Protein backbone atom coordinates (compact mmCIF):
# COMPACT_ATOMS: atom_id res chain seq x y z
CA MET A 1 41.55 -105.01 -48.32
CA HIS A 2 39.07 -102.25 -47.53
CA TYR A 3 35.49 -103.27 -46.69
CA ASN A 4 32.44 -100.98 -46.90
CA GLY A 5 29.70 -103.23 -45.48
CA GLY A 6 29.09 -101.23 -42.30
CA TYR A 7 29.01 -97.97 -44.21
CA LEU A 8 26.64 -99.39 -46.83
CA ILE A 9 24.30 -100.83 -44.18
CA GLY A 10 24.25 -97.41 -42.51
CA GLN A 11 23.43 -95.76 -45.83
CA ILE A 12 20.66 -98.27 -46.50
CA ASN A 13 19.23 -97.55 -43.05
CA LYS A 14 19.20 -93.78 -43.63
CA LEU A 15 17.75 -94.10 -47.11
CA THR A 16 15.12 -96.57 -45.91
CA ASN A 17 14.01 -94.24 -43.11
CA ARG A 18 13.77 -91.35 -45.54
CA ARG A 19 11.82 -93.44 -48.07
CA VAL A 20 9.43 -94.85 -45.44
CA ASN A 21 8.70 -91.32 -44.23
CA GLU A 22 7.99 -90.26 -47.84
CA LEU A 23 5.63 -93.21 -48.32
CA LEU A 24 3.82 -92.47 -45.04
CA LYS A 25 3.41 -88.84 -46.07
CA LYS A 26 2.04 -89.98 -49.44
CA GLU A 27 -0.55 -92.03 -47.52
CA ASN A 28 -1.40 -88.92 -45.42
CA ILE A 29 -0.01 -90.51 -42.26
CA GLU A 30 1.33 -87.93 -39.84
CA GLU A 31 0.65 -89.78 -36.56
CA PHE A 32 3.95 -91.68 -36.68
CA ASN A 33 7.27 -91.73 -38.49
CA GLY A 34 9.26 -94.58 -40.02
CA ALA A 35 10.97 -95.68 -36.80
CA GLN A 36 7.66 -95.62 -34.93
CA GLY A 37 6.10 -97.49 -37.86
CA LEU A 38 8.70 -100.21 -37.38
CA ILE A 39 7.59 -100.59 -33.77
CA LEU A 40 3.96 -100.78 -34.90
CA PHE A 41 4.91 -103.33 -37.57
CA VAL A 42 6.52 -105.54 -34.91
CA LEU A 43 3.50 -105.16 -32.63
CA MET A 44 1.03 -105.95 -35.44
CA ASP A 45 2.05 -109.60 -35.24
CA LYS A 46 2.02 -110.11 -31.46
CA GLU A 47 -0.04 -107.10 -30.24
CA THR A 48 1.73 -107.20 -26.83
CA LEU A 49 5.49 -107.29 -26.23
CA THR A 50 7.93 -106.18 -23.56
CA ILE A 51 10.15 -103.18 -24.22
CA LYS A 52 13.11 -105.57 -24.31
CA GLU A 53 11.42 -107.73 -26.99
CA ILE A 54 10.64 -104.65 -29.09
CA GLY A 55 14.25 -103.50 -28.77
CA LYS A 56 15.52 -106.88 -29.91
CA ALA A 57 13.10 -107.04 -32.84
CA THR A 58 13.81 -103.49 -34.03
CA GLY A 59 17.44 -103.02 -33.05
CA LEU A 60 16.55 -99.76 -31.29
CA ALA A 61 18.46 -98.88 -28.12
CA LYS A 62 16.44 -98.86 -24.90
CA THR A 63 17.07 -95.14 -24.30
CA SER A 64 15.70 -93.98 -27.65
CA LEU A 65 13.04 -96.69 -27.60
CA THR A 66 11.64 -95.53 -24.25
CA SER A 67 11.21 -91.92 -25.36
CA MET A 68 9.74 -93.06 -28.68
CA LEU A 69 7.23 -95.30 -26.87
CA ASP A 70 6.27 -92.41 -24.59
CA ARG A 71 5.48 -90.23 -27.62
CA MET A 72 3.54 -93.07 -29.25
CA GLU A 73 1.50 -93.58 -26.08
CA LYS A 74 0.63 -89.86 -25.99
CA LYS A 75 -0.61 -90.14 -29.58
CA GLY A 76 -2.79 -93.13 -28.64
CA LEU A 77 -0.89 -95.62 -30.81
CA ILE A 78 0.13 -97.91 -27.95
CA GLN A 79 -0.66 -98.55 -24.32
CA MET A 80 1.96 -99.37 -21.73
CA LYS A 81 1.22 -101.31 -18.59
CA GLN A 82 3.10 -103.23 -15.95
CA ASP A 83 3.31 -106.99 -16.39
CA GLU A 84 1.22 -108.57 -13.62
CA LYS A 85 3.56 -111.60 -13.53
CA ASP A 86 6.77 -109.55 -13.38
CA ARG A 87 6.30 -106.01 -12.07
CA ARG A 88 9.78 -105.07 -13.35
CA CYS A 89 8.61 -105.53 -16.95
CA THR A 90 6.57 -103.06 -18.94
CA LEU A 91 4.24 -104.48 -21.57
CA VAL A 92 3.56 -102.51 -24.73
CA CYS A 93 0.18 -103.14 -26.33
CA LEU A 94 -1.05 -102.10 -29.73
CA SER A 95 -4.02 -99.72 -29.45
CA GLU A 96 -7.23 -100.00 -31.43
CA LYS A 97 -6.26 -96.76 -33.18
CA ALA A 98 -2.94 -98.28 -34.31
CA LYS A 99 -4.69 -101.39 -35.64
CA THR A 100 -6.47 -99.16 -38.17
CA TYR A 101 -3.07 -98.50 -39.78
CA ARG A 102 -2.34 -102.18 -40.47
CA GLU A 103 -3.10 -101.91 -44.21
CA VAL A 104 -0.93 -98.82 -44.68
CA ILE A 105 1.97 -100.30 -42.72
CA GLU A 106 1.82 -103.52 -44.75
CA LYS A 107 1.61 -101.52 -48.01
CA VAL A 108 4.64 -99.40 -47.10
CA SER A 109 6.57 -102.51 -46.06
CA GLN A 110 5.73 -104.26 -49.33
CA THR A 111 6.75 -101.21 -51.36
CA ILE A 112 10.10 -100.98 -49.56
CA ASN A 113 10.77 -104.69 -50.14
CA GLU A 114 9.95 -104.33 -53.84
CA GLU A 115 12.31 -101.37 -54.09
CA TYR A 116 15.08 -103.21 -52.21
CA TYR A 117 14.98 -106.27 -54.42
CA ARG A 118 14.17 -104.78 -57.82
CA GLY A 119 16.15 -106.63 -60.47
CA MET A 120 17.39 -109.32 -58.10
CA LYS A 121 16.92 -113.07 -58.50
CA ASN A 122 15.41 -115.11 -55.65
CA SER A 123 18.79 -116.80 -55.11
CA GLU A 124 20.47 -113.40 -54.74
CA ILE A 125 17.81 -112.25 -52.25
CA SER A 126 18.21 -115.43 -50.20
CA TYR A 127 22.01 -115.10 -50.13
CA PHE A 128 21.79 -111.43 -49.22
CA GLU A 129 19.34 -112.03 -46.37
CA ASP A 130 21.33 -115.01 -45.06
CA THR A 131 24.43 -112.82 -45.00
CA LEU A 132 22.62 -110.00 -43.18
CA GLU A 133 21.31 -112.49 -40.60
CA ARG A 134 24.87 -113.74 -40.00
CA ILE A 135 26.14 -110.18 -39.58
CA THR A 136 23.28 -109.43 -37.17
CA GLN A 137 24.06 -112.53 -35.13
CA ASN A 138 27.78 -111.65 -35.08
CA LEU A 139 26.90 -108.28 -33.56
CA ILE A 140 24.44 -109.78 -31.07
CA ASP A 141 27.10 -112.26 -29.92
CA GLN A 142 29.52 -109.45 -28.94
């Protein structure tokens, strides 16, 4: 039997990034792109996380994450500082400027979710998300 799950997840990822960028452009947001918006979305909840925690929450590799965070810091969206308790760790903090985008980020996120689940029953959404969580955990466990 031939399975297409990995391919389809990849397609969904590409299409989601494209759609998020379109929605940000529609909101006149040019300060960050979809991937950077995902980082901001994660930081909106906690405001300060380590690079490792952001990588785990977003699924972004440390190499691409580091360069992305550097660009975001230059744009004033985040601040990076050394953890006083563990000098090996870098803390990433949400800037005041980035906090002003909370509404837009939440609106874009809500729009994407509505587009994902259009025409689906709650039971289908729950099953789908449970399955994605299992796949994610399978990959983390490797």
